[in-house]
Amino acid sequence: MSKEQFQELLKEYVADFVNRESNRTSLITITDIALSGDGSVATLSATVFPDDNAGVALDFLNRRARDMRGFVMEKIRNRRIPRFVFVLAE
């Protein structure tokens, strides 16, 4: 599996987790992912609608990052899963 395929798979599984676990007061979309050079950290960009809920949504994402990592680890067993960090997309 190439790095690009791995990133897309991570993005897909994180988006699935967010869709299942969010309280749906905001629409949270994972728009981009960037892996650190050593692959230990994945920075995921997210958009939030409406914009006034961006802070609460970002808190939710970072608070649940560990659970997301566990969810992804169950899906992808043959790769080391990075730690997730979330930022708002610009």
PDB file of N, CA and C in Angstrom:
ATOM      1  N   MET A   1       0.849  -1.165   0.000  1.00  0.00           N
ATOM      2  CA  MET A   1       0.000   0.000   0.000  1.00  0.00           C
ATOM      3  C   MET A   1       0.902   1.238   0.000  1.00  0.00           C
ATOM      4  N   SER A   2       0.641   2.143  -0.921  1.00  0.00           N
ATOM      5  CA  SER A   2       1.451   3.361  -1.014  1.00  0.00           C
ATOM      6  C   SER A   2       1.067   4.344   0.096  1.00  0.00           C
ATOM      7  N   LYS A   3       1.919   5.348   0.295  1.00  0.00           N
ATOM      8  CA  LYS A   3       1.661   6.368   1.315  1.00  0.00           C
ATOM      9  C   LYS A   3       0.350   7.098   1.021  1.00  0.00           C
ATOM     10  N   GLU A   4       0.105   7.411  -0.242  1.00  0.00           N
ATOM     11  CA  GLU A   4      -1.118   8.121  -0.629  1.00  0.00           C
ATOM     12  C   GLU A   4      -2.361   7.269  -0.357  1.00  0.00           C
ATOM     13  N   GLN A   5      -2.280   5.986  -0.666  1.00  0.00           N
ATOM     14  CA  GLN A   5      -3.404   5.081  -0.400  1.00  0.00           C
ATOM     15  C   GLN A   5      -3.657   4.971   1.100  1.00  0.00           C
ATOM     16  N   PHE A   6      -2.587   4.889   1.876  1.00  0.00           N
ATOM     17  CA  PHE A   6      -2.707   4.809   3.326  1.00  0.00           C
ATOM     18  C   PHE A   6      -3.358   6.075   3.880  1.00  0.00           C
ATOM     19  N   GLN A   7      -2.936   7.235   3.394  1.00  0.00           N
ATOM     20  CA  GLN A   7      -3.522   8.494   3.846  1.00  0.00           C
ATOM     21  C   GLN A   7      -5.012   8.561   3.520  1.00  0.00           C
ATOM     22  N   GLU A   8      -5.391   8.157   2.324  1.00  0.00           N
ATOM     23  CA  GLU A   8      -6.802   8.176   1.934  1.00  0.00           C
ATOM     24  C   GLU A   8      -7.627   7.224   2.797  1.00  0.00           C
ATOM     25  N   LEU A   9      -7.065   6.072   3.110  1.00  0.00           N
ATOM     26  CA  LEU A   9      -7.746   5.105   3.958  1.00  0.00           C
ATOM     27  C   LEU A   9      -7.924   5.664   5.367  1.00  0.00           C
ATOM     28  N   LEU A  10      -6.883   6.282   5.901  1.00  0.00           N
ATOM     29  CA  LEU A  10      -6.992   6.924   7.218  1.00  0.00           C
ATOM     30  C   LEU A  10      -8.092   7.978   7.205  1.00  0.00           C
ATOM     31  N   LYS A  11      -8.078   8.824   6.188  1.00  0.00           N
ATOM     32  CA  LYS A  11      -9.074   9.898   6.073  1.00  0.00           C
ATOM     33  C   LYS A  11     -10.494   9.321   6.019  1.00  0.00           C
ATOM     34  N   GLU A  12     -10.660   8.267   5.259  1.00  0.00           N
ATOM     35  CA  GLU A  12     -11.977   7.625   5.122  1.00  0.00           C
ATOM     36  C   GLU A  12     -12.472   7.057   6.457  1.00  0.00           C
ATOM     37  N   TYR A  13     -11.598   6.362   7.177  1.00  0.00           N
ATOM     38  CA  TYR A  13     -12.000   5.763   8.454  1.00  0.00           C
ATOM     39  C   TYR A  13     -12.250   6.817   9.529  1.00  0.00           C
ATOM     40  N   VAL A  14     -11.448   7.869   9.553  1.00  0.00           N
ATOM     41  CA  VAL A  14     -11.679   8.945  10.519  1.00  0.00           C
ATOM     42  C   VAL A  14     -13.009   9.627  10.215  1.00  0.00           C
ATOM     43  N   ALA A  15     -13.288   9.886   8.949  1.00  0.00           N
ATOM     44  CA  ALA A  15     -14.559  10.506   8.566  1.00  0.00           C
ATOM     45  C   ALA A  15     -15.736   9.612   8.966  1.00  0.00           C
ATOM     46  N   ASP A  16     -15.585   8.306   8.802  1.00  0.00           N
ATOM     47  CA  ASP A  16     -16.625   7.363   9.200  1.00  0.00           C
ATOM     48  C   ASP A  16     -16.858   7.434  10.709  1.00  0.00           C
ATOM     49  N   PHE A  17     -15.781   7.469  11.489  1.00  0.00           N
ATOM     50  CA  PHE A  17     -15.894   7.564  12.942  1.00  0.00           C
ATOM     51  C   PHE A  17     -16.603   8.856  13.339  1.00  0.00           C
ATOM     52  N   VAL A  18     -16.209   9.970  12.743  1.00  0.00           N
ATOM     53  CA  VAL A  18     -16.821  11.271  13.061  1.00  0.00           C
ATOM     54  C   VAL A  18     -18.310  11.235  12.731  1.00  0.00           C
ATOM     55  N   ASN A  19     -18.647  10.660  11.599  1.00  0.00           N
ATOM     56  CA  ASN A  19     -20.050  10.562  11.204  1.00  0.00           C
ATOM     57  C   ASN A  19     -20.865   9.752  12.211  1.00  0.00           C
ATOM     58  N   ARG A  20     -20.288   8.677  12.727  1.00  0.00           N
ATOM     59  CA  ARG A  20     -20.990   7.821  13.688  1.00  0.00           C
ATOM     60  C   ARG A  20     -21.096   8.442  15.076  1.00  0.00           C
ATOM     61  N   GLU A  21     -20.047   9.124  15.512  1.00  0.00           N
ATOM     62  CA  GLU A  21     -19.947   9.550  16.905  1.00  0.00           C
ATOM     63  C   GLU A  21     -20.334  11.004  17.184  1.00  0.00           C
ATOM     64  N   SER A  22     -20.412  11.847  16.165  1.00  0.00           N
ATOM     65  CA  SER A  22     -20.735  13.255  16.426  1.00  0.00           C
ATOM     66  C   SER A  22     -22.213  13.388  16.781  1.00  0.00           C
ATOM     67  N   ASN A  23     -22.525  14.473  17.481  1.00  0.00           N
ATOM     68  CA  ASN A  23     -23.912  14.676  17.909  1.00  0.00           C
ATOM     69  C   ASN A  23     -24.762  15.348  16.834  1.00  0.00           C
ATOM     70  N   ARG A  24     -24.176  15.607  15.704  1.00  0.00           N
ATOM     71  CA  ARG A  24     -24.844  16.140  14.523  1.00  0.00           C
ATOM     72  C   ARG A  24     -25.400  17.565  14.701  1.00  0.00           C
ATOM     73  N   THR A  25     -24.899  18.315  15.674  1.00  0.00           N
ATOM     74  CA  THR A  25     -25.283  19.722  15.766  1.00  0.00           C
ATOM     75  C   THR A  25     -24.491  20.543  14.764  1.00  0.00           C
ATOM     76  N   SER A  26     -23.407  19.958  14.258  1.00  0.00           N
ATOM     77  CA  SER A  26     -22.572  20.592  13.233  1.00  0.00           C
ATOM     78  C   SER A  26     -22.238  19.555  12.178  1.00  0.00           C
ATOM     79  N   LEU A  27     -21.991  20.044  10.987  1.00  0.00           N
ATOM     80  CA  LEU A  27     -21.511  19.175   9.918  1.00  0.00           C
ATOM     81  C   LEU A  27     -19.990  19.268   9.925  1.00  0.00           C
ATOM     82  N   ILE A  28     -19.322  18.159  10.246  1.00  0.00           N
ATOM     83  CA  ILE A  28     -17.865  18.113  10.303  1.00  0.00           C
ATOM     84  C   ILE A  28     -17.382  17.288   9.123  1.00  0.00           C
ATOM     85  N   THR A  29     -16.512  17.896   8.307  1.00  0.00           N
ATOM     86  CA  THR A  29     -15.979  17.222   7.131  1.00  0.00           C
ATOM     87  C   THR A  29     -14.453  17.177   7.220  1.00  0.00           C
ATOM     88  N   ILE A  30     -13.892  16.005   7.083  1.00  0.00           N
ATOM     89  CA  ILE A  30     -12.433  15.853   7.058  1.00  0.00           C
ATOM     90  C   ILE A  30     -12.000  16.125   5.625  1.00  0.00           C
ATOM     91  N   THR A  31     -11.201  17.182   5.434  1.00  0.00           N
ATOM     92  CA  THR A  31     -10.869  17.621   4.080  1.00  0.00           C
ATOM     93  C   THR A  31      -9.472  17.244   3.613  1.00  0.00           C
ATOM     94  N   ASP A  32      -8.530  17.080   4.547  1.00  0.00           N
ATOM     95  CA  ASP A  32      -7.158  16.808   4.137  1.00  0.00           C
ATOM     96  C   ASP A  32      -6.420  16.074   5.248  1.00  0.00           C
ATOM     97  N   ILE A  33      -5.342  15.425   4.882  1.00  0.00           N
ATOM     98  CA  ILE A  33      -4.511  14.717   5.850  1.00  0.00           C
ATOM     99  C   ILE A  33      -3.056  14.878   5.434  1.00  0.00           C
ATOM    100  N   ALA A  34      -2.195  15.072   6.426  1.00  0.00           N
ATOM    101  CA  ALA A  34      -0.758  15.169   6.172  1.00  0.00           C
ATOM    102  C   ALA A  34      -0.041  14.330   7.214  1.00  0.00           C
ATOM    103  N   LEU A  35       0.808  13.423   6.759  1.00  0.00           N
ATOM    104  CA  LEU A  35       1.597  12.586   7.665  1.00  0.00           C
ATOM    105  C   LEU A  35       2.947  13.234   7.915  1.00  0.00           C
ATOM    106  N   SER A  36       3.423  13.130   9.143  1.00  0.00           N
ATOM    107  CA  SER A  36       4.764  13.625   9.459  1.00  0.00           C
ATOM    108  C   SER A  36       5.780  12.761   8.727  1.00  0.00           C
ATOM    109  N   GLY A  37       7.005  13.228   8.665  1.00  0.00           N
ATOM    110  CA  GLY A  37       8.051  12.513   7.938  1.00  0.00           C
ATOM    111  C   GLY A  37       8.244  11.085   8.385  1.00  0.00           C
ATOM    112  N   ASP A  38       8.170  10.851   9.707  1.00  0.00           N
ATOM    113  CA  ASP A  38       8.350   9.491  10.211  1.00  0.00           C
ATOM    114  C   ASP A  38       7.041   8.717  10.319  1.00  0.00           C
ATOM    115  N   GLY A  39       5.924   9.363   9.969  1.00  0.00           N
ATOM    116  CA  GLY A  39       4.628   8.686   9.975  1.00  0.00           C
ATOM    117  C   GLY A  39       4.003   8.520  11.342  1.00  0.00           C
ATOM    118  N   SER A  40       4.531   9.202  12.355  1.00  0.00           N
ATOM    119  CA  SER A  40       4.007   9.027  13.714  1.00  0.00           C
ATOM    120  C   SER A  40       2.837   9.952  14.040  1.00  0.00           C
ATOM    121  N   VAL A  41       2.665  11.016  13.250  1.00  0.00           N
ATOM    122  CA  VAL A  41       1.586  11.971  13.496  1.00  0.00           C
ATOM    123  C   VAL A  41       0.861  12.257  12.183  1.00  0.00           C
ATOM    124  N   ALA A  42      -0.468  12.203  12.245  1.00  0.00           N
ATOM    125  CA  ALA A  42      -1.298  12.565  11.102  1.00  0.00           C
ATOM    126  C   ALA A  42      -2.068  13.829  11.483  1.00  0.00           C
ATOM    127  N   THR A  43      -1.856  14.894  10.718  1.00  0.00           N
ATOM    128  CA  THR A  43      -2.585  16.135  10.943  1.00  0.00           C
ATOM    129  C   THR A  43      -3.750  16.148   9.966  1.00  0.00           C
ATOM    130  N   LEU A  44      -4.964  16.172  10.526  1.00  0.00           N
ATOM    131  CA  LEU A  44      -6.171  16.134   9.708  1.00  0.00           C
ATOM    132  C   LEU A  44      -6.846  17.496   9.747  1.00  0.00           C
ATOM    133  N   SER A  45      -7.168  18.022   8.563  1.00  0.00           N
ATOM    134  CA  SER A  45      -7.876  19.290   8.453  1.00  0.00           C
ATOM    135  C   SER A  45      -9.367  19.010   8.373  1.00  0.00           C
ATOM    136  N   ALA A  46     -10.137  19.846   9.061  1.00  0.00           N
ATOM    137  CA  ALA A  46     -11.591  19.664   9.075  1.00  0.00           C
ATOM    138  C   ALA A  46     -12.289  21.000   8.834  1.00  0.00           C
ATOM    139  N   THR A  47     -13.432  20.928   8.182  1.00  0.00           N
ATOM    140  CA  THR A  47     -14.304  22.090   8.066  1.00  0.00           C
ATOM    141  C   THR A  47     -15.531  21.823   8.916  1.00  0.00           C
ATOM    142  N   VAL A  48     -16.127  22.897   9.415  1.00  0.00           N
ATOM    143  CA  VAL A  48     -17.298  22.781  10.287  1.00  0.00           C
ATOM    144  C   VAL A  48     -18.357  23.760   9.799  1.00  0.00           C
ATOM    145  N   PHE A  49     -19.588  23.281   9.714  1.00  0.00           N
ATOM    146  CA  PHE A  49     -20.724  24.132   9.379  1.00  0.00           C
ATOM    147  C   PHE A  49     -21.795  23.923  10.425  1.00  0.00           C
ATOM    148  N   PRO A  50     -22.326  24.936  11.020  1.00  0.00           N
ATOM    149  CA  PRO A  50     -22.017  26.353  10.853  1.00  0.00           C
ATOM    150  C   PRO A  50     -20.695  26.727  11.526  1.00  0.00           C
ATOM    151  N   ASP A  51     -20.104  27.815  11.049  1.00  0.00           N
ATOM    152  CA  ASP A  51     -18.789  28.252  11.520  1.00  0.00           C
ATOM    153  C   ASP A  51     -18.750  28.541  13.017  1.00  0.00           C
ATOM    154  N   ASP A  52     -19.871  28.973  13.612  1.00  0.00           N
ATOM    155  CA  ASP A  52     -19.847  29.322  15.047  1.00  0.00           C
ATOM    156  C   ASP A  52     -19.575  28.102  15.925  1.00  0.00           C
ATOM    157  N   ASN A  53     -19.775  26.912  15.410  1.00  0.00           N
ATOM    158  CA  ASN A  53     -19.542  25.688  16.184  1.00  0.00           C
ATOM    159  C   ASN A  53     -18.142  25.113  15.971  1.00  0.00           C
ATOM    160  N   ALA A  54     -17.281  25.835  15.287  1.00  0.00           N
ATOM    161  CA  ALA A  54     -15.957  25.310  14.946  1.00  0.00           C
ATOM    162  C   ALA A  54     -15.142  24.969  16.188  1.00  0.00           C
ATOM    163  N   GLY A  55     -15.152  25.820  17.194  1.00  0.00           N
ATOM    164  CA  GLY A  55     -14.381  25.563  18.403  1.00  0.00           C
ATOM    165  C   GLY A  55     -14.838  24.311  19.127  1.00  0.00           C
ATOM    166  N   VAL A  56     -16.150  24.157  19.263  1.00  0.00           N
ATOM    167  CA  VAL A  56     -16.714  22.982  19.934  1.00  0.00           C
ATOM    168  C   VAL A  56     -16.398  21.720  19.133  1.00  0.00           C
ATOM    169  N   ALA A  57     -16.511  21.803  17.814  1.00  0.00           N
ATOM    170  CA  ALA A  57     -16.238  20.644  16.967  1.00  0.00           C
ATOM    171  C   ALA A  57     -14.761  20.253  17.038  1.00  0.00           C
ATOM    172  N   LEU A  58     -13.867  21.241  17.038  1.00  0.00           N
ATOM    173  CA  LEU A  58     -12.439  20.951  17.137  1.00  0.00           C
ATOM    174  C   LEU A  58     -12.108  20.318  18.488  1.00  0.00           C
ATOM    175  N   ASP A  59     -12.754  20.795  19.549  1.00  0.00           N
ATOM    176  CA  ASP A  59     -12.573  20.180  20.867  1.00  0.00           C
ATOM    177  C   ASP A  59     -13.027  18.718  20.843  1.00  0.00           C
ATOM    178  N   PHE A  60     -14.181  18.461  20.226  1.00  0.00           N
ATOM    179  CA  PHE A  60     -14.692  17.094  20.107  1.00  0.00           C
ATOM    180  C   PHE A  60     -13.684  16.203  19.379  1.00  0.00           C
ATOM    181  N   LEU A  61     -13.178  16.682  18.240  1.00  0.00           N
ATOM    182  CA  LEU A  61     -12.243  15.882  17.441  1.00  0.00           C
ATOM    183  C   LEU A  61     -10.978  15.552  18.219  1.00  0.00           C
ATOM    184  N   ASN A  62     -10.405  16.544  18.872  1.00  0.00           N
ATOM    185  CA  ASN A  62      -9.163  16.301  19.613  1.00  0.00           C
ATOM    186  C   ASN A  62      -9.402  15.458  20.865  1.00  0.00           C
ATOM    187  N   ARG A  63     -10.568  15.619  21.491  1.00  0.00           N
ATOM    188  CA  ARG A  63     -10.899  14.815  22.675  1.00  0.00           C
ATOM    189  C   ARG A  63     -11.090  13.345  22.311  1.00  0.00           C
ATOM    190  N   ARG A  64     -11.650  13.089  21.149  1.00  0.00           N
ATOM    191  CA  ARG A  64     -11.939  11.710  20.726  1.00  0.00           C
ATOM    192  C   ARG A  64     -10.862  11.112  19.832  1.00  0.00           C
ATOM    193  N   ALA A  65      -9.726  11.811  19.658  1.00  0.00           N
ATOM    194  CA  ALA A  65      -8.665  11.345  18.761  1.00  0.00           C
ATOM    195  C   ALA A  65      -8.154   9.963  19.155  1.00  0.00           C
ATOM    196  N   ARG A  66      -8.042   9.711  20.438  1.00  0.00           N
ATOM    197  CA  ARG A  66      -7.556   8.404  20.897  1.00  0.00           C
ATOM    198  C   ARG A  66      -8.536   7.285  20.520  1.00  0.00           C
ATOM    199  N   ASP A  67      -9.839   7.559  20.693  1.00  0.00           N
ATOM    200  CA  ASP A  67     -10.857   6.576  20.312  1.00  0.00           C
ATOM    201  C   ASP A  67     -10.837   6.336  18.803  1.00  0.00           C
ATOM    202  N   MET A  68     -10.643   7.416  18.040  1.00  0.00           N
ATOM    203  CA  MET A  68     -10.565   7.279  16.580  1.00  0.00           C
ATOM    204  C   MET A  68      -9.399   6.398  16.188  1.00  0.00           C
ATOM    205  N   ARG A  69      -8.276   6.602  16.849  1.00  0.00           N
ATOM    206  CA  ARG A  69      -7.085   5.805  16.552  1.00  0.00           C
ATOM    207  C   ARG A  69      -7.372   4.325  16.814  1.00  0.00           C
ATOM    208  N   GLY A  70      -8.048   4.027  17.913  1.00  0.00           N
ATOM    209  CA  GLY A  70      -8.416   2.648  18.212  1.00  0.00           C
ATOM    210  C   GLY A  70      -9.340   2.065  17.159  1.00  0.00           C
ATOM    211  N   PHE A  71     -10.302   2.873  16.705  1.00  0.00           N
ATOM    212  CA  PHE A  71     -11.232   2.448  15.662  1.00  0.00           C
ATOM    213  C   PHE A  71     -10.473   2.118  14.377  1.00  0.00           C
ATOM    214  N   VAL A  72      -9.545   2.996  14.005  1.00  0.00           N
ATOM    215  CA  VAL A  72      -8.763   2.783  12.784  1.00  0.00           C
ATOM    216  C   VAL A  72      -7.848   1.569  12.936  1.00  0.00           C
ATOM    217  N   MET A  73      -7.297   1.365  14.130  1.00  0.00           N
ATOM    218  CA  MET A  73      -6.423   0.214  14.366  1.00  0.00           C
ATOM    219  C   MET A  73      -7.165  -1.108  14.158  1.00  0.00           C
ATOM    220  N   GLU A  74      -8.459  -1.124  14.462  1.00  0.00           N
ATOM    221  CA  GLU A  74      -9.255  -2.335  14.234  1.00  0.00           C
ATOM    222  C   GLU A  74      -9.442  -2.603  12.742  1.00  0.00           C
ATOM    223  N   LYS A  75      -9.468  -1.532  11.948  1.00  0.00           N
ATOM    224  CA  LYS A  75      -9.705  -1.656  10.501  1.00  0.00           C
ATOM    225  C   LYS A  75      -8.429  -1.951   9.720  1.00  0.00           C
ATOM    226  N   ILE A  76      -7.324  -1.315  10.124  1.00  0.00           N
ATOM    227  CA  ILE A  76      -6.046  -1.479   9.424  1.00  0.00           C
ATOM    228  C   ILE A  76      -5.087  -2.166  10.380  1.00  0.00           C
ATOM    229  N   ARG A  77      -4.839  -3.408  10.162  1.00  0.00           N
ATOM    230  CA  ARG A  77      -4.033  -4.179  11.108  1.00  0.00           C
ATOM    231  C   ARG A  77      -2.569  -4.318  10.703  1.00  0.00           C
ATOM    232  N   ASN A  78      -2.237  -4.098   9.461  1.00  0.00           N
ATOM    233  CA  ASN A  78      -0.867  -4.367   9.012  1.00  0.00           C
ATOM    234  C   ASN A  78       0.010  -3.122   8.921  1.00  0.00           C
ATOM    235  N   ARG A  79      -0.431  -2.000   9.458  1.00  0.00           N
ATOM    236  CA  ARG A  79       0.360  -0.762   9.448  1.00  0.00           C
ATOM    237  C   ARG A  79       0.332  -0.117  10.819  1.00  0.00           C
ATOM    238  N   ARG A  80       1.392   0.632  11.129  1.00  0.00           N
ATOM    239  CA  ARG A  80       1.408   1.415  12.360  1.00  0.00           C
ATOM    240  C   ARG A  80       0.491   2.627  12.157  1.00  0.00           C
ATOM    241  N   ILE A  81      -0.406   2.849  13.083  1.00  0.00           N
ATOM    242  CA  ILE A  81      -1.371   3.943  12.969  1.00  0.00           C
ATOM    243  C   ILE A  81      -0.812   5.157  13.710  1.00  0.00           C
ATOM    244  N   PRO A  82      -0.770   6.304  13.043  1.00  0.00           N
ATOM    245  CA  PRO A  82      -0.212   7.504  13.667  1.00  0.00           C
ATOM    246  C   PRO A  82      -1.150   8.102  14.711  1.00  0.00           C
ATOM    247  N   ARG A  83      -0.613   9.007  15.508  1.00  0.00           N
ATOM    248  CA  ARG A  83      -1.402   9.790  16.448  1.00  0.00           C
ATOM    249  C   ARG A  83      -2.110  10.869  15.626  1.00  0.00           C
ATOM    250  N   PHE A  84      -3.380  11.158  15.958  1.00  0.00           N
ATOM    251  CA  PHE A  84      -4.160  12.126  15.194  1.00  0.00           C
ATOM    252  C   PHE A  84      -4.170  13.489  15.884  1.00  0.00           C
ATOM    253  N   VAL A  85      -3.975  14.518  15.078  1.00  0.00           N
ATOM    254  CA  VAL A  85      -4.078  15.908  15.524  1.00  0.00           C
ATOM    255  C   VAL A  85      -5.001  16.596  14.531  1.00  0.00           C
ATOM    256  N   PHE A  86      -5.949  17.383  15.036  1.00  0.00           N
ATOM    257  CA  PHE A  86      -6.919  18.043  14.179  1.00  0.00           C
ATOM    258  C   PHE A  86      -6.719  19.546  14.159  1.00  0.00           C
ATOM    259  N   VAL A  87      -6.910  20.119  12.980  1.00  0.00           N
ATOM    260  CA  VAL A  87      -6.861  21.568  12.804  1.00  0.00           C
ATOM    261  C   VAL A  87      -8.035  21.962  11.912  1.00  0.00           C
ATOM    262  N   LEU A  88      -8.414  23.228  12.017  1.00  0.00           N
ATOM    263  CA  LEU A  88      -9.464  23.731  11.137  1.00  0.00           C
ATOM    264  C   LEU A  88      -8.862  24.069   9.783  1.00  0.00           C
ATOM    265  N   ALA A  89      -9.539  23.671   8.719  1.00  0.00           N
ATOM    266  CA  ALA A  89      -9.068  23.963   7.361  1.00  0.00           C
ATOM    267  C   ALA A  89      -9.204  25.461   7.112  1.00  0.00           C
ATOM    268  N   GLU A  90      -8.268  25.971   6.361  1.00  0.00           N
ATOM    269  CA  GLU A  90      -8.289  27.411   6.053  1.00  0.00           C
ATOM    270  C   GLU A  90      -8.972  27.690   4.754  1.00  0.00           C
TER     271      GLU A  90
END
